[in-house]
Amino acid sequence: MLPRVSLYWNPAALLGCMNLAAIFGAIIYLRSHHIHNLREHEAWIDEIAETLRGHIGLIEGAVERLENKHGGDNQGKK
């Protein structure tokens, strides 16, 4: 009969467990990195949206001033 080999002393099983542990660790690290990048991206998009709202407000104000300056002369004529 062959001697029984323990899981702890079996090199293939030990390397397999170490490989799975390394893969699991990499997944956890990449997931946390991805979540961090998503939060930064969301903050960046919010900043762009605020900037666009500000520019749209400025443009609407300028259009209203132009319409008031000309008194709406061109609205009925086409």
PDB file of N, CA and C in Angstrom:
ATOM      1  N   MET A   1       0.813  -1.164   0.000  1.00  0.00           N
ATOM      2  CA  MET A   1       0.000   0.000   0.000  1.00  0.00           C
ATOM      3  C   MET A   1       0.874   1.252   0.000  1.00  0.00           C
ATOM      4  N   LEU A   2       0.388   2.268  -0.710  1.00  0.00           N
ATOM      5  CA  LEU A   2       1.132   3.525  -0.782  1.00  0.00           C
ATOM      6  C   LEU A   2       0.816   4.378   0.440  1.00  0.00           C
ATOM      7  N   PRO A   3       1.781   5.101   0.904  1.00  0.00           N
ATOM      8  CA  PRO A   3       1.499   5.989   2.042  1.00  0.00           C
ATOM      9  C   PRO A   3       0.560   7.113   1.616  1.00  0.00           C
ATOM     10  N   ARG A   4      -0.273   7.493   2.527  1.00  0.00           N
ATOM     11  CA  ARG A   4      -1.226   8.560   2.257  1.00  0.00           C
ATOM     12  C   ARG A   4      -0.499   9.913   2.300  1.00  0.00           C
ATOM     13  N   VAL A   5      -0.737  10.760   1.293  1.00  0.00           N
ATOM     14  CA  VAL A   5      -0.066  12.063   1.221  1.00  0.00           C
ATOM     15  C   VAL A   5      -1.030  13.118   1.726  1.00  0.00           C
ATOM     16  N   SER A   6      -0.577  13.902   2.666  1.00  0.00           N
ATOM     17  CA  SER A   6      -1.397  14.956   3.240  1.00  0.00           C
ATOM     18  C   SER A   6      -1.557  16.100   2.241  1.00  0.00           C
ATOM     19  N   LEU A   7      -2.671  16.824   2.338  1.00  0.00           N
ATOM     20  CA  LEU A   7      -2.921  17.966   1.465  1.00  0.00           C
ATOM     21  C   LEU A   7      -1.858  19.049   1.683  1.00  0.00           C
ATOM     22  N   TYR A   8      -1.383  19.184   2.903  1.00  0.00           N
ATOM     23  CA  TYR A   8      -0.407  20.221   3.211  1.00  0.00           C
ATOM     24  C   TYR A   8       0.951  19.950   2.580  1.00  0.00           C
ATOM     25  N   TRP A   9       1.255  18.693   2.352  1.00  0.00           N
ATOM     26  CA  TRP A   9       2.566  18.368   1.809  1.00  0.00           C
ATOM     27  C   TRP A   9       2.514  18.052   0.325  1.00  0.00           C
ATOM     28  N   ASN A  10       1.333  18.065  -0.277  1.00  0.00           N
ATOM     29  CA  ASN A  10       1.198  17.811  -1.703  1.00  0.00           C
ATOM     30  C   ASN A  10       1.511  19.113  -2.451  1.00  0.00           C
ATOM     31  N   PRO A  11       2.609  19.151  -3.189  1.00  0.00           N
ATOM     32  CA  PRO A  11       3.013  20.406  -3.842  1.00  0.00           C
ATOM     33  C   PRO A  11       1.976  20.926  -4.837  1.00  0.00           C
ATOM     34  N   ALA A  12       1.348  20.022  -5.594  1.00  0.00           N
ATOM     35  CA  ALA A  12       0.367  20.478  -6.587  1.00  0.00           C
ATOM     36  C   ALA A  12      -0.839  21.100  -5.891  1.00  0.00           C
ATOM     37  N   ALA A  13      -1.309  20.485  -4.825  1.00  0.00           N
ATOM     38  CA  ALA A  13      -2.459  21.025  -4.104  1.00  0.00           C
ATOM     39  C   ALA A  13      -2.089  22.335  -3.419  1.00  0.00           C
ATOM     40  N   LEU A  14      -0.887  22.399  -2.871  1.00  0.00           N
ATOM     41  CA  LEU A  14      -0.444  23.624  -2.207  1.00  0.00           C
ATOM     42  C   LEU A  14      -0.327  24.773  -3.203  1.00  0.00           C
ATOM     43  N   LEU A  15       0.227  24.505  -4.376  1.00  0.00           N
ATOM     44  CA  LEU A  15       0.338  25.543  -5.399  1.00  0.00           C
ATOM     45  C   LEU A  15      -1.041  25.946  -5.914  1.00  0.00           C
ATOM     46  N   GLY A  16      -1.937  24.994  -6.028  1.00  0.00           N
ATOM     47  CA  GLY A  16      -3.292  25.315  -6.461  1.00  0.00           C
ATOM     48  C   GLY A  16      -4.002  26.227  -5.475  1.00  0.00           C
ATOM     49  N   CYS A  17      -3.852  25.943  -4.198  1.00  0.00           N
ATOM     50  CA  CYS A  17      -4.462  26.792  -3.172  1.00  0.00           C
ATOM     51  C   CYS A  17      -3.840  28.184  -3.168  1.00  0.00           C
ATOM     52  N   MET A  18      -2.538  28.258  -3.344  1.00  0.00           N
ATOM     53  CA  MET A  18      -1.874  29.560  -3.393  1.00  0.00           C
ATOM     54  C   MET A  18      -2.328  30.347  -4.623  1.00  0.00           C
ATOM     55  N   ASN A  19      -2.511  29.645  -5.735  1.00  0.00           N
ATOM     56  CA  ASN A  19      -2.975  30.286  -6.960  1.00  0.00           C
ATOM     57  C   ASN A  19      -4.376  30.847  -6.767  1.00  0.00           C
ATOM     58  N   LEU A  20      -5.269  30.069  -6.163  1.00  0.00           N
ATOM     59  CA  LEU A  20      -6.623  30.543  -5.906  1.00  0.00           C
ATOM     60  C   LEU A  20      -6.619  31.739  -4.947  1.00  0.00           C
ATOM     61  N   ALA A  21      -5.770  31.696  -3.945  1.00  0.00           N
ATOM     62  CA  ALA A  21      -5.678  32.815  -3.004  1.00  0.00           C
ATOM     63  C   ALA A  21      -5.182  34.077  -3.707  1.00  0.00           C
ATOM     64  N   ALA A  22      -4.212  33.933  -4.597  1.00  0.00           N
ATOM     65  CA  ALA A  22      -3.698  35.094  -5.333  1.00  0.00           C
ATOM     66  C   ALA A  22      -4.759  35.660  -6.264  1.00  0.00           C
ATOM     67  N   ILE A  23      -5.500  34.791  -6.930  1.00  0.00           N
ATOM     68  CA  ILE A  23      -6.568  35.250  -7.823  1.00  0.00           C
ATOM     69  C   ILE A  23      -7.647  35.966  -7.020  1.00  0.00           C
ATOM     70  N   PHE A  24      -8.031  35.398  -5.883  1.00  0.00           N
ATOM     71  CA  PHE A  24      -9.045  36.017  -5.038  1.00  0.00           C
ATOM     72  C   PHE A  24      -8.584  37.392  -4.542  1.00  0.00           C
ATOM     73  N   GLY A  25      -7.336  37.485  -4.134  1.00  0.00           N
ATOM     74  CA  GLY A  25      -6.799  38.768  -3.684  1.00  0.00           C
ATOM     75  C   GLY A  25      -6.785  39.808  -4.799  1.00  0.00           C
ATOM     76  N   ALA A  26      -6.414  39.371  -6.006  1.00  0.00           N
ATOM     77  CA  ALA A  26      -6.396  40.297  -7.140  1.00  0.00           C
ATOM     78  C   ALA A  26      -7.805  40.778  -7.474  1.00  0.00           C
ATOM     79  N   ILE A  27      -8.782  39.891  -7.381  1.00  0.00           N
ATOM     80  CA  ILE A  27     -10.169  40.274  -7.652  1.00  0.00           C
ATOM     81  C   ILE A  27     -10.643  41.303  -6.638  1.00  0.00           C
ATOM     82  N   ILE A  28     -10.348  41.092  -5.381  1.00  0.00           N
ATOM     83  CA  ILE A  28     -10.764  42.030  -4.340  1.00  0.00           C
ATOM     84  C   ILE A  28     -10.105  43.396  -4.561  1.00  0.00           C
ATOM     85  N   TYR A  29      -8.804  43.398  -4.876  1.00  0.00           N
ATOM     86  CA  TYR A  29      -8.103  44.657  -5.115  1.00  0.00           C
ATOM     87  C   TYR A  29      -8.670  45.383  -6.333  1.00  0.00           C
ATOM     88  N   LEU A  30      -8.875  44.662  -7.443  1.00  0.00           N
ATOM     89  CA  LEU A  30      -9.381  45.294  -8.658  1.00  0.00           C
ATOM     90  C   LEU A  30     -10.802  45.811  -8.472  1.00  0.00           C
ATOM     91  N   ARG A  31     -11.604  45.103  -7.685  1.00  0.00           N
ATOM     92  CA  ARG A  31     -12.970  45.553  -7.419  1.00  0.00           C
ATOM     93  C   ARG A  31     -12.944  46.869  -6.644  1.00  0.00           C
ATOM     94  N   SER A  32     -12.110  46.964  -5.625  1.00  0.00           N
ATOM     95  CA  SER A  32     -12.045  48.202  -4.842  1.00  0.00           C
ATOM     96  C   SER A  32     -11.510  49.352  -5.694  1.00  0.00           C
ATOM     97  N   HIS A  33     -10.552  49.057  -6.555  1.00  0.00           N
ATOM     98  CA  HIS A  33      -9.999  50.077  -7.450  1.00  0.00           C
ATOM     99  C   HIS A  33     -11.073  50.544  -8.434  1.00  0.00           C
ATOM    100  N   HIS A  34     -11.861  49.614  -8.947  1.00  0.00           N
ATOM    101  CA  HIS A  34     -12.923  49.934  -9.891  1.00  0.00           C
ATOM    102  C   HIS A  34     -13.997  50.804  -9.218  1.00  0.00           C
ATOM    103  N   ILE A  35     -14.377  50.476  -8.001  1.00  0.00           N
ATOM    104  CA  ILE A  35     -15.372  51.262  -7.275  1.00  0.00           C
ATOM    105  C   ILE A  35     -14.852  52.677  -7.047  1.00  0.00           C
ATOM    106  N   HIS A  36     -13.582  52.803  -6.696  1.00  0.00           N
ATOM    107  CA  HIS A  36     -12.972  54.130  -6.507  1.00  0.00           C
ATOM    108  C   HIS A  36     -13.031  54.932  -7.806  1.00  0.00           C
ATOM    109  N   ASN A  37     -12.692  54.305  -8.925  1.00  0.00           N
ATOM    110  CA  ASN A  37     -12.720  55.002 -10.211  1.00  0.00           C
ATOM    111  C   ASN A  37     -14.134  55.393 -10.604  1.00  0.00           C
ATOM    112  N   LEU A  38     -15.120  54.543 -10.286  1.00  0.00           N
ATOM    113  CA  LEU A  38     -16.512  54.879 -10.584  1.00  0.00           C
ATOM    114  C   LEU A  38     -16.956  56.107  -9.800  1.00  0.00           C
ATOM    115  N   ARG A  39     -16.563  56.195  -8.539  1.00  0.00           N
ATOM    116  CA  ARG A  39     -16.927  57.355  -7.723  1.00  0.00           C
ATOM    117  C   ARG A  39     -16.272  58.631  -8.258  1.00  0.00           C
ATOM    118  N   GLU A  40     -15.018  58.537  -8.649  1.00  0.00           N
ATOM    119  CA  GLU A  40     -14.334  59.705  -9.227  1.00  0.00           C
ATOM    120  C   GLU A  40     -14.993  60.131 -10.528  1.00  0.00           C
ATOM    121  N   HIS A  41     -15.378  59.159 -11.351  1.00  0.00           N
ATOM    122  CA  HIS A  41     -16.020  59.460 -12.628  1.00  0.00           C
ATOM    123  C   HIS A  41     -17.379  60.130 -12.398  1.00  0.00           C
ATOM    124  N   GLU A  42     -18.126  59.635 -11.428  1.00  0.00           N
ATOM    125  CA  GLU A  42     -19.422  60.226 -11.124  1.00  0.00           C
ATOM    126  C   GLU A  42     -19.266  61.668 -10.656  1.00  0.00           C
ATOM    127  N   ALA A  43     -18.261  61.936  -9.827  1.00  0.00           N
ATOM    128  CA  ALA A  43     -18.011  63.304  -9.365  1.00  0.00           C
ATOM    129  C   ALA A  43     -17.617  64.200 -10.532  1.00  0.00           C
ATOM    130  N   TRP A  44     -16.831  63.678 -11.450  1.00  0.00           N
ATOM    131  CA  TRP A  44     -16.396  64.439 -12.622  1.00  0.00           C
ATOM    132  C   TRP A  44     -17.592  64.766 -13.517  1.00  0.00           C
ATOM    133  N   ILE A  45     -18.484  63.794 -13.722  1.00  0.00           N
ATOM    134  CA  ILE A  45     -19.677  64.011 -14.541  1.00  0.00           C
ATOM    135  C   ILE A  45     -20.585  65.050 -13.880  1.00  0.00           C
ATOM    136  N   ASP A  46     -20.730  64.991 -12.564  1.00  0.00           N
ATOM    137  CA  ASP A  46     -21.533  65.981 -11.847  1.00  0.00           C
ATOM    138  C   ASP A  46     -20.961  67.388 -12.028  1.00  0.00           C
ATOM    139  N   GLU A  47     -19.638  67.491 -11.986  1.00  0.00           N
ATOM    140  CA  GLU A  47     -18.987  68.788 -12.185  1.00  0.00           C
ATOM    141  C   GLU A  47     -19.240  69.322 -13.591  1.00  0.00           C
ATOM    142  N   ILE A  48     -19.168  68.448 -14.584  1.00  0.00           N
ATOM    143  CA  ILE A  48     -19.439  68.862 -15.963  1.00  0.00           C
ATOM    144  C   ILE A  48     -20.889  69.298 -16.112  1.00  0.00           C
ATOM    145  N   ALA A  49     -21.811  68.565 -15.477  1.00  0.00           N
ATOM    146  CA  ALA A  49     -23.228  68.921 -15.561  1.00  0.00           C
ATOM    147  C   ALA A  49     -23.478  70.303 -14.947  1.00  0.00           C
ATOM    148  N   GLU A  50     -22.847  70.581 -13.821  1.00  0.00           N
ATOM    149  CA  GLU A  50     -22.988  71.901 -13.196  1.00  0.00           C
ATOM    150  C   GLU A  50     -22.447  72.995 -14.115  1.00  0.00           C
ATOM    151  N   THR A  51     -21.318  72.731 -14.742  1.00  0.00           N
ATOM    152  CA  THR A  51     -20.726  73.713 -15.652  1.00  0.00           C
ATOM    153  C   THR A  51     -21.640  73.962 -16.839  1.00  0.00           C
ATOM    154  N   LEU A  52     -22.208  72.886 -17.383  1.00  0.00           N
ATOM    155  CA  LEU A  52     -23.115  73.049 -18.526  1.00  0.00           C
ATOM    156  C   LEU A  52     -24.373  73.817 -18.129  1.00  0.00           C
ATOM    157  N   ARG A  53     -24.907  73.537 -16.948  1.00  0.00           N
ATOM    158  CA  ARG A  53     -26.081  74.277 -16.488  1.00  0.00           C
ATOM    159  C   ARG A  53     -25.756  75.767 -16.371  1.00  0.00           C
ATOM    160  N   GLY A  54     -24.569  76.070 -15.879  1.00  0.00           N
ATOM    161  CA  GLY A  54     -24.160  77.465 -15.776  1.00  0.00           C
ATOM    162  C   GLY A  54     -24.043  78.141 -17.123  1.00  0.00           C
ATOM    163  N   HIS A  55     -23.453  77.441 -18.075  1.00  0.00           N
ATOM    164  CA  HIS A  55     -23.310  78.018 -19.420  1.00  0.00           C
ATOM    165  C   HIS A  55     -24.665  78.182 -20.095  1.00  0.00           C
ATOM    166  N   ILE A  56     -25.538  77.201 -19.913  1.00  0.00           N
ATOM    167  CA  ILE A  56     -26.870  77.303 -20.507  1.00  0.00           C
ATOM    168  C   ILE A  56     -27.616  78.500 -19.912  1.00  0.00           C
ATOM    169  N   GLY A  57     -27.460  78.707 -18.608  1.00  0.00           N
ATOM    170  CA  GLY A  57     -28.079  79.873 -17.977  1.00  0.00           C
ATOM    171  C   GLY A  57     -27.549  81.178 -18.546  1.00  0.00           C
ATOM    172  N   LEU A  58     -26.243  81.244 -18.779  1.00  0.00           N
ATOM    173  CA  LEU A  58     -25.660  82.454 -19.371  1.00  0.00           C
ATOM    174  C   LEU A  58     -26.180  82.681 -20.781  1.00  0.00           C
ATOM    175  N   ILE A  59     -26.283  81.618 -21.555  1.00  0.00           N
ATOM    176  CA  ILE A  59     -26.771  81.736 -22.931  1.00  0.00           C
ATOM    177  C   ILE A  59     -28.232  82.167 -22.935  1.00  0.00           C
ATOM    178  N   GLU A  60     -29.059  81.571 -22.067  1.00  0.00           N
ATOM    179  CA  GLU A  60     -30.467  81.963 -22.002  1.00  0.00           C
ATOM    180  C   GLU A  60     -30.609  83.429 -21.594  1.00  0.00           C
ATOM    181  N   GLY A  61     -29.767  83.861 -20.653  1.00  0.00           N
ATOM    182  CA  GLY A  61     -29.803  85.271 -20.256  1.00  0.00           C
ATOM    183  C   GLY A  61     -29.442  86.189 -21.408  1.00  0.00           C
ATOM    184  N   ALA A  62     -28.447  85.827 -22.179  1.00  0.00           N
ATOM    185  CA  ALA A  62     -28.036  86.646 -23.325  1.00  0.00           C
ATOM    186  C   ALA A  62     -29.129  86.681 -24.386  1.00  0.00           C
ATOM    187  N   VAL A  63     -29.780  85.550 -24.623  1.00  0.00           N
ATOM    188  CA  VAL A  63     -30.863  85.511 -25.611  1.00  0.00           C
ATOM    189  C   VAL A  63     -32.020  86.399 -25.156  1.00  0.00           C
ATOM    190  N   GLU A  64     -32.354  86.346 -23.884  1.00  0.00           N
ATOM    191  CA  GLU A  64     -33.433  87.197 -23.369  1.00  0.00           C
ATOM    192  C   GLU A  64     -33.086  88.674 -23.499  1.00  0.00           C
ATOM    193  N   ARG A  65     -31.828  89.017 -23.213  1.00  0.00           N
ATOM    194  CA  ARG A  65     -31.426  90.420 -23.358  1.00  0.00           C
ATOM    195  C   ARG A  65     -31.509  90.869 -24.806  1.00  0.00           C
ATOM    196  N   LEU A  66     -31.103  89.979 -25.741  1.00  0.00           N
ATOM    197  CA  LEU A  66     -31.189  90.335 -27.167  1.00  0.00           C
ATOM    198  C   LEU A  66     -32.642  90.492 -27.605  1.00  0.00           C
ATOM    199  N   GLU A  67     -33.509  89.595 -27.126  1.00  0.00           N
ATOM    200  CA  GLU A  67     -34.918  89.704 -27.480  1.00  0.00           C
ATOM    201  C   GLU A  67     -35.524  90.982 -26.913  1.00  0.00           C
ATOM    202  N   ASN A  68     -35.168  91.337 -25.690  1.00  0.00           N
ATOM    203  CA  ASN A  68     -35.687  92.562 -25.091  1.00  0.00           C
ATOM    204  C   ASN A  68     -35.119  93.800 -25.775  1.00  0.00           C
ATOM    205  N   LYS A  69     -33.882  93.723 -26.216  1.00  0.00           N
ATOM    206  CA  LYS A  69     -33.239  94.865 -26.878  1.00  0.00           C
ATOM    207  C   LYS A  69     -33.917  95.182 -28.196  1.00  0.00           C
ATOM    208  N   HIS A  70     -34.272  94.133 -28.958  1.00  0.00           N
ATOM    209  CA  HIS A  70     -34.909  94.337 -30.250  1.00  0.00           C
ATOM    210  C   HIS A  70     -36.421  94.440 -30.126  1.00  0.00           C
ATOM    211  N   GLY A  71     -36.940  94.223 -28.970  1.00  0.00           N
ATOM    212  CA  GLY A  71     -38.372  94.405 -28.732  1.00  0.00           C
ATOM    213  C   GLY A  71     -39.229  93.343 -29.363  1.00  0.00           C
ATOM    214  N   GLY A  72     -38.669  92.228 -29.752  1.00  0.00           N
ATOM    215  CA  GLY A  72     -39.473  91.161 -30.357  1.00  0.00           C
ATOM    216  C   GLY A  72     -39.944  91.491 -31.752  1.00  0.00           C
ATOM    217  N   ASP A  73     -39.218  92.341 -32.496  1.00  0.00           N
ATOM    218  CA  ASP A  73     -39.609  92.758 -33.842  1.00  0.00           C
ATOM    219  C   ASP A  73     -39.632  91.574 -34.807  1.00  0.00           C
ATOM    220  N   ASN A  74     -38.729  90.623 -34.648  1.00  0.00           N
ATOM    221  CA  ASN A  74     -38.587  89.544 -35.627  1.00  0.00           C
ATOM    222  C   ASN A  74     -39.445  88.323 -35.304  1.00  0.00           C
ATOM    223  N   GLN A  75     -40.238  88.377 -34.264  1.00  0.00           N
ATOM    224  CA  GLN A  75     -40.972  87.178 -33.883  1.00  0.00           C
ATOM    225  C   GLN A  75     -42.135  86.893 -34.806  1.00  0.00           C
ATOM    226  N   GLY A  76     -42.857  87.872 -35.261  1.00  0.00           N
ATOM    227  CA  GLY A  76     -44.039  87.641 -36.121  1.00  0.00           C
ATOM    228  C   GLY A  76     -43.702  87.573 -37.588  1.00  0.00           C
ATOM    229  N   LYS A  77     -42.534  87.969 -37.976  1.00  0.00           N
ATOM    230  CA  LYS A  77     -42.152  88.034 -39.400  1.00  0.00           C
ATOM    231  C   LYS A  77     -41.315  86.834 -39.791  1.00  0.00           C
ATOM    232  N   LYS A  78     -41.756  86.157 -40.850  1.00  0.00           N
ATOM    233  CA  LYS A  78     -40.941  85.079 -41.419  1.00  0.00           C
ATOM    234  C   LYS A  78     -41.243  84.898 -42.862  1.00  0.00           C
TER     235      LYS A  78
END
